[in-house]
Amino acid sequence: MADLVLVYGLRLLPADEVEAVQAAPIKLKNGHDAQVTMHIVEGSREQIEAQLRHSIDAFFDFYPEI
């Protein structure tokens, strides 16, 4: 299997200041475009950390071959 790249970004903002989130664009070396779906997780620090851990585990469950 080829080496992989995990693309991600994180930023904490006050919950009442976020109006909209859009997909982030990615340019591939072959000239194609791709997108990264952005997700919002709200709550206390502990709730956010727990949800992120759960989400990472679930993400890799989608790709059992890696």
PDB file of N, CA and C in Angstrom:
ATOM      1  N   MET A   1       0.843  -1.180   0.000  1.00  0.00           N
ATOM      2  CA  MET A   1       0.000   0.000   0.000  1.00  0.00           C
ATOM      3  C   MET A   1       0.888   1.243   0.000  1.00  0.00           C
ATOM      4  N   ALA A   2       0.467   2.257  -0.722  1.00  0.00           N
ATOM      5  CA  ALA A   2       1.206   3.514  -0.792  1.00  0.00           C
ATOM      6  C   ALA A   2       1.114   4.262   0.535  1.00  0.00           C
ATOM      7  N   ASP A   3       2.078   5.144   0.761  1.00  0.00           N
ATOM      8  CA  ASP A   3       1.993   6.013   1.934  1.00  0.00           C
ATOM      9  C   ASP A   3       0.748   6.878   1.813  1.00  0.00           C
ATOM     10  N   LEU A   4       0.192   7.244   2.933  1.00  0.00           N
ATOM     11  CA  LEU A   4      -1.040   8.029   2.974  1.00  0.00           C
ATOM     12  C   LEU A   4      -0.778   9.399   3.577  1.00  0.00           C
ATOM     13  N   VAL A   5      -1.697  10.320   3.357  1.00  0.00           N
ATOM     14  CA  VAL A   5      -1.658  11.648   3.967  1.00  0.00           C
ATOM     15  C   VAL A   5      -3.008  11.891   4.616  1.00  0.00           C
ATOM     16  N   LEU A   6      -3.024  12.205   5.889  1.00  0.00           N
ATOM     17  CA  LEU A   6      -4.255  12.588   6.577  1.00  0.00           C
ATOM     18  C   LEU A   6      -4.306  14.108   6.599  1.00  0.00           C
ATOM     19  N   VAL A   7      -5.317  14.682   5.974  1.00  0.00           N
ATOM     20  CA  VAL A   7      -5.468  16.135   5.909  1.00  0.00           C
ATOM     21  C   VAL A   7      -6.506  16.543   6.948  1.00  0.00           C
ATOM     22  N   TYR A   8      -6.139  17.460   7.815  1.00  0.00           N
ATOM     23  CA  TYR A   8      -7.086  17.906   8.829  1.00  0.00           C
ATOM     24  C   TYR A   8      -6.738  19.316   9.289  1.00  0.00           C
ATOM     25  N   GLY A   9      -7.671  19.949   9.960  1.00  0.00           N
ATOM     26  CA  GLY A   9      -7.455  21.262  10.543  1.00  0.00           C
ATOM     27  C   GLY A   9      -8.311  21.405  11.782  1.00  0.00           C
ATOM     28  N   LEU A  10      -7.827  22.167  12.727  1.00  0.00           N
ATOM     29  CA  LEU A  10      -8.557  22.387  13.970  1.00  0.00           C
ATOM     30  C   LEU A  10      -8.525  23.872  14.326  1.00  0.00           C
ATOM     31  N   ARG A  11      -9.617  24.357  14.868  1.00  0.00           N
ATOM     32  CA  ARG A  11      -9.666  25.719  15.370  1.00  0.00           C
ATOM     33  C   ARG A  11     -10.808  25.808  16.362  1.00  0.00           C
ATOM     34  N   LEU A  12     -10.537  26.377  17.511  1.00  0.00           N
ATOM     35  CA  LEU A  12     -11.581  26.601  18.512  1.00  0.00           C
ATOM     36  C   LEU A  12     -12.089  28.030  18.401  1.00  0.00           C
ATOM     37  N   LEU A  13     -13.400  28.170  18.350  1.00  0.00           N
ATOM     38  CA  LEU A  13     -14.061  29.472  18.285  1.00  0.00           C
ATOM     39  C   LEU A  13     -15.231  29.475  19.258  1.00  0.00           C
ATOM     40  N   PRO A  14     -15.652  30.639  19.732  1.00  0.00           N
ATOM     41  CA  PRO A  14     -16.863  30.690  20.554  1.00  0.00           C
ATOM     42  C   PRO A  14     -18.051  30.154  19.754  1.00  0.00           C
ATOM     43  N   ALA A  15     -18.833  29.271  20.347  1.00  0.00           N
ATOM     44  CA  ALA A  15     -19.915  28.590  19.637  1.00  0.00           C
ATOM     45  C   ALA A  15     -20.910  29.556  19.003  1.00  0.00           C
ATOM     46  N   ASP A  16     -21.167  30.683  19.645  1.00  0.00           N
ATOM     47  CA  ASP A  16     -22.164  31.610  19.108  1.00  0.00           C
ATOM     48  C   ASP A  16     -21.630  32.499  17.989  1.00  0.00           C
ATOM     49  N   GLU A  17     -20.361  32.353  17.623  1.00  0.00           N
ATOM     50  CA  GLU A  17     -19.792  33.166  16.551  1.00  0.00           C
ATOM     51  C   GLU A  17     -19.746  32.437  15.208  1.00  0.00           C
ATOM     52  N   VAL A  18     -19.958  31.127  15.181  1.00  0.00           N
ATOM     53  CA  VAL A  18     -19.868  30.362  13.930  1.00  0.00           C
ATOM     54  C   VAL A  18     -21.215  30.422  13.219  1.00  0.00           C
ATOM     55  N   GLU A  19     -21.181  30.925  11.991  1.00  0.00           N
ATOM     56  CA  GLU A  19     -22.401  31.005  11.202  1.00  0.00           C
ATOM     57  C   GLU A  19     -22.488  29.881  10.177  1.00  0.00           C
ATOM     58  N   ALA A  20     -21.371  29.560   9.512  1.00  0.00           N
ATOM     59  CA  ALA A  20     -21.373  28.537   8.470  1.00  0.00           C
ATOM     60  C   ALA A  20     -19.981  27.940   8.339  1.00  0.00           C
ATOM     61  N   VAL A  21     -19.944  26.692   7.896  1.00  0.00           N
ATOM     62  CA  VAL A  21     -18.693  25.985   7.625  1.00  0.00           C
ATOM     63  C   VAL A  21     -18.817  25.365   6.249  1.00  0.00           C
ATOM     64  N   GLN A  22     -17.763  25.510   5.435  1.00  0.00           N
ATOM     65  CA  GLN A  22     -17.782  24.974   4.084  1.00  0.00           C
ATOM     66  C   GLN A  22     -16.644  23.974   3.909  1.00  0.00           C
ATOM     67  N   ALA A  23     -16.748  23.170   2.875  1.00  0.00           N
ATOM     68  CA  ALA A  23     -15.690  22.207   2.568  1.00  0.00           C
ATOM     69  C   ALA A  23     -14.403  22.959   2.234  1.00  0.00           C
ATOM     70  N   ALA A  24     -13.281  22.363   2.598  1.00  0.00           N
ATOM     71  CA  ALA A  24     -11.977  22.953   2.307  1.00  0.00           C
ATOM     72  C   ALA A  24     -11.437  22.346   1.013  1.00  0.00           C
ATOM     73  N   PRO A  25     -10.955  23.186   0.087  1.00  0.00           N
ATOM     74  CA  PRO A  25     -10.448  22.661  -1.180  1.00  0.00           C
ATOM     75  C   PRO A  25      -9.041  22.071  -1.046  1.00  0.00           C
ATOM     76  N   ILE A  26      -8.771  21.057  -1.878  1.00  0.00           N
ATOM     77  CA  ILE A  26      -7.452  20.432  -1.945  1.00  0.00           C
ATOM     78  C   ILE A  26      -7.069  20.347  -3.423  1.00  0.00           C
ATOM     79  N   LYS A  27      -5.851  20.730  -3.750  1.00  0.00           N
ATOM     80  CA  LYS A  27      -5.314  20.582  -5.103  1.00  0.00           C
ATOM     81  C   LYS A  27      -4.408  19.364  -5.127  1.00  0.00           C
ATOM     82  N   LEU A  28      -4.662  18.449  -6.043  1.00  0.00           N
ATOM     83  CA  LEU A  28      -3.841  17.254  -6.179  1.00  0.00           C
ATOM     84  C   LEU A  28      -2.780  17.455  -7.259  1.00  0.00           C
ATOM     85  N   LYS A  29      -1.676  16.755  -7.130  1.00  0.00           N
ATOM     86  CA  LYS A  29      -0.578  16.888  -8.085  1.00  0.00           C
ATOM     87  C   LYS A  29      -0.969  16.490  -9.494  1.00  0.00           C
ATOM     88  N   ASN A  30      -1.984  15.640  -9.621  1.00  0.00           N
ATOM     89  CA  ASN A  30      -2.412  15.203 -10.955  1.00  0.00           C
ATOM     90  C   ASN A  30      -3.340  16.214 -11.630  1.00  0.00           C
ATOM     91  N   GLY A  31      -3.524  17.377 -11.001  1.00  0.00           N
ATOM     92  CA  GLY A  31      -4.359  18.419 -11.578  1.00  0.00           C
ATOM     93  C   GLY A  31      -5.810  18.381 -11.137  1.00  0.00           C
ATOM     94  N   HIS A  32      -6.220  17.319 -10.461  1.00  0.00           N
ATOM     95  CA  HIS A  32      -7.596  17.217  -9.983  1.00  0.00           C
ATOM     96  C   HIS A  32      -7.785  18.008  -8.692  1.00  0.00           C
ATOM     97  N   ASP A  33      -9.021  18.313  -8.408  1.00  0.00           N
ATOM     98  CA  ASP A  33      -9.398  18.959  -7.152  1.00  0.00           C
ATOM     99  C   ASP A  33     -10.116  17.957  -6.275  1.00  0.00           C
ATOM    100  N   ALA A  34     -10.005  18.143  -4.973  1.00  0.00           N
ATOM    101  CA  ALA A  34     -10.729  17.328  -4.000  1.00  0.00           C
ATOM    102  C   ALA A  34     -11.214  18.260  -2.897  1.00  0.00           C
ATOM    103  N   GLN A  35     -12.019  17.730  -2.010  1.00  0.00           N
ATOM    104  CA  GLN A  35     -12.527  18.516  -0.892  1.00  0.00           C
ATOM    105  C   GLN A  35     -12.420  17.723   0.397  1.00  0.00           C
ATOM    106  N   VAL A  36     -12.252  18.446   1.477  1.00  0.00           N
ATOM    107  CA  VAL A  36     -12.308  17.860   2.812  1.00  0.00           C
ATOM    108  C   VAL A  36     -13.580  18.385   3.467  1.00  0.00           C
ATOM    109  N   THR A  37     -14.429  17.472   3.878  1.00  0.00           N
ATOM    110  CA  THR A  37     -15.644  17.868   4.582  1.00  0.00           C
ATOM    111  C   THR A  37     -15.267  18.361   5.968  1.00  0.00           C
ATOM    112  N   MET A  38     -15.744  19.516   6.316  1.00  0.00           N
ATOM    113  CA  MET A  38     -15.462  20.089   7.627  1.00  0.00           C
ATOM    114  C   MET A  38     -16.576  19.671   8.586  1.00  0.00           C
ATOM    115  N   HIS A  39     -16.218  19.462   9.837  1.00  0.00           N
ATOM    116  CA  HIS A  39     -17.175  19.032  10.847  1.00  0.00           C
ATOM    117  C   HIS A  39     -17.128  19.987  12.029  1.00  0.00           C
ATOM    118  N   ILE A  40     -18.238  20.104  12.704  1.00  0.00           N
ATOM    119  CA  ILE A  40     -18.321  20.942  13.897  1.00  0.00           C
ATOM    120  C   ILE A  40     -18.597  20.045  15.094  1.00  0.00           C
ATOM    121  N   VAL A  41     -17.841  20.244  16.157  1.00  0.00           N
ATOM    122  CA  VAL A  41     -18.049  19.542  17.415  1.00  0.00           C
ATOM    123  C   VAL A  41     -18.186  20.615  18.487  1.00  0.00           C
ATOM    124  N   GLU A  42     -19.304  20.628  19.192  1.00  0.00           N
ATOM    125  CA  GLU A  42     -19.541  21.635  20.228  1.00  0.00           C
ATOM    126  C   GLU A  42     -19.580  20.987  21.600  1.00  0.00           C
ATOM    127  N   GLY A  43     -19.258  21.754  22.608  1.00  0.00           N
ATOM    128  CA  GLY A  43     -19.335  21.272  23.981  1.00  0.00           C
ATOM    129  C   GLY A  43     -18.188  21.797  24.811  1.00  0.00           C
ATOM    130  N   SER A  44     -18.031  21.210  25.970  1.00  0.00           N
ATOM    131  CA  SER A  44     -16.914  21.561  26.840  1.00  0.00           C
ATOM    132  C   SER A  44     -15.630  20.974  26.253  1.00  0.00           C
ATOM    133  N   ARG A  45     -14.506  21.344  26.818  1.00  0.00           N
ATOM    134  CA  ARG A  45     -13.232  20.785  26.353  1.00  0.00           C
ATOM    135  C   ARG A  45     -13.258  19.259  26.422  1.00  0.00           C
ATOM    136  N   GLU A  46     -13.752  18.733  27.537  1.00  0.00           N
ATOM    137  CA  GLU A  46     -13.787  17.278  27.719  1.00  0.00           C
ATOM    138  C   GLU A  46     -14.700  16.618  26.695  1.00  0.00           C
ATOM    139  N   GLN A  47     -15.852  17.228  26.419  1.00  0.00           N
ATOM    140  CA  GLN A  47     -16.785  16.668  25.439  1.00  0.00           C
ATOM    141  C   GLN A  47     -16.191  16.691  24.032  1.00  0.00           C
ATOM    142  N   ILE A  48     -15.518  17.792  23.697  1.00  0.00           N
ATOM    143  CA  ILE A  48     -14.899  17.906  22.379  1.00  0.00           C
ATOM    144  C   ILE A  48     -13.784  16.875  22.229  1.00  0.00           C
ATOM    145  N   GLU A  49     -12.926  16.742  23.243  1.00  0.00           N
ATOM    146  CA  GLU A  49     -11.843  15.761  23.186  1.00  0.00           C
ATOM    147  C   GLU A  49     -12.378  14.343  23.023  1.00  0.00           C
ATOM    148  N   ALA A  50     -13.426  14.012  23.773  1.00  0.00           N
ATOM    149  CA  ALA A  50     -14.000  12.665  23.690  1.00  0.00           C
ATOM    150  C   ALA A  50     -14.582  12.420  22.302  1.00  0.00           C
ATOM    151  N   GLN A  51     -15.284  13.401  21.745  1.00  0.00           N
ATOM    152  CA  GLN A  51     -15.885  13.238  20.419  1.00  0.00           C
ATOM    153  C   GLN A  51     -14.807  13.114  19.353  1.00  0.00           C
ATOM    154  N   LEU A  52     -13.732  13.883  19.463  1.00  0.00           N
ATOM    155  CA  LEU A  52     -12.644  13.778  18.483  1.00  0.00           C
ATOM    156  C   LEU A  52     -12.005  12.394  18.516  1.00  0.00           C
ATOM    157  N   ARG A  53     -11.771  11.874  19.719  1.00  0.00           N
ATOM    158  CA  ARG A  53     -11.200  10.518  19.826  1.00  0.00           C
ATOM    159  C   ARG A  53     -12.123   9.487  19.177  1.00  0.00           C
ATOM    160  N   HIS A  54     -13.404   9.616  19.456  1.00  0.00           N
ATOM    161  CA  HIS A  54     -14.392   8.702  18.874  1.00  0.00           C
ATOM    162  C   HIS A  54     -14.421   8.834  17.349  1.00  0.00           C
ATOM    163  N   SER A  55     -14.380  10.054  16.856  1.00  0.00           N
ATOM    164  CA  SER A  55     -14.428  10.291  15.416  1.00  0.00           C
ATOM    165  C   SER A  55     -13.206   9.723  14.711  1.00  0.00           C
ATOM    166  N   ILE A  56     -12.028   9.864  15.302  1.00  0.00           N
ATOM    167  CA  ILE A  56     -10.803   9.312  14.698  1.00  0.00           C
ATOM    168  C   ILE A  56     -10.906   7.796  14.630  1.00  0.00           C
ATOM    169  N   ASP A  57     -11.347   7.171  15.718  1.00  0.00           N
ATOM    170  CA  ASP A  57     -11.511   5.715  15.710  1.00  0.00           C
ATOM    171  C   ASP A  57     -12.499   5.285  14.625  1.00  0.00           C
ATOM    172  N   ALA A  58     -13.626   5.990  14.537  1.00  0.00           N
ATOM    173  CA  ALA A  58     -14.648   5.646  13.548  1.00  0.00           C
ATOM    174  C   ALA A  58     -14.132   5.859  12.130  1.00  0.00           C
ATOM    175  N   PHE A  59     -13.348   6.911  11.924  1.00  0.00           N
ATOM    176  CA  PHE A  59     -12.801   7.189  10.601  1.00  0.00           C
ATOM    177  C   PHE A  59     -11.962   6.016  10.113  1.00  0.00           C
ATOM    178  N   PHE A  60     -11.073   5.515  10.950  1.00  0.00           N
ATOM    179  CA  PHE A  60     -10.223   4.414  10.539  1.00  0.00           C
ATOM    180  C   PHE A  60     -10.986   3.094  10.425  1.00  0.00           C
ATOM    181  N   ASP A  61     -12.145   2.992  11.074  1.00  0.00           N
ATOM    182  CA  ASP A  61     -12.994   1.813  10.886  1.00  0.00           C
ATOM    183  C   ASP A  61     -13.515   1.733   9.457  1.00  0.00           C
ATOM    184  N   PHE A  62     -13.649   2.886   8.777  1.00  0.00           N
ATOM    185  CA  PHE A  62     -14.095   2.909   7.378  1.00  0.00           C
ATOM    186  C   PHE A  62     -13.036   2.334   6.436  1.00  0.00           C
ATOM    187  N   TYR A  63     -11.788   2.298   6.897  1.00  0.00           N
ATOM    188  CA  TYR A  63     -10.681   1.843   6.062  1.00  0.00           C
ATOM    189  C   TYR A  63      -9.942   0.692   6.748  1.00  0.00           C
ATOM    190  N   PRO A  64     -10.556  -0.462   6.878  1.00  0.00           N
ATOM    191  CA  PRO A  64      -9.925  -1.571   7.587  1.00  0.00           C
ATOM    192  C   PRO A  64      -8.665  -2.091   6.907  1.00  0.00           C
ATOM    193  N   GLU A  65      -8.504  -1.762   5.617  1.00  0.00           N
ATOM    194  CA  GLU A  65      -7.341  -2.262   4.889  1.00  0.00           C
ATOM    195  C   GLU A  65      -6.053  -1.511   5.241  1.00  0.00           C
ATOM    196  N   ILE A  66      -6.146  -0.405   5.972  1.00  0.00           N
ATOM    197  CA  ILE A  66      -4.909   0.321   6.336  1.00  0.00           C
ATOM    198  C   ILE A  66      -4.544   0.085   7.779  1.00  0.00           C
TER     199      ILE A  66
END
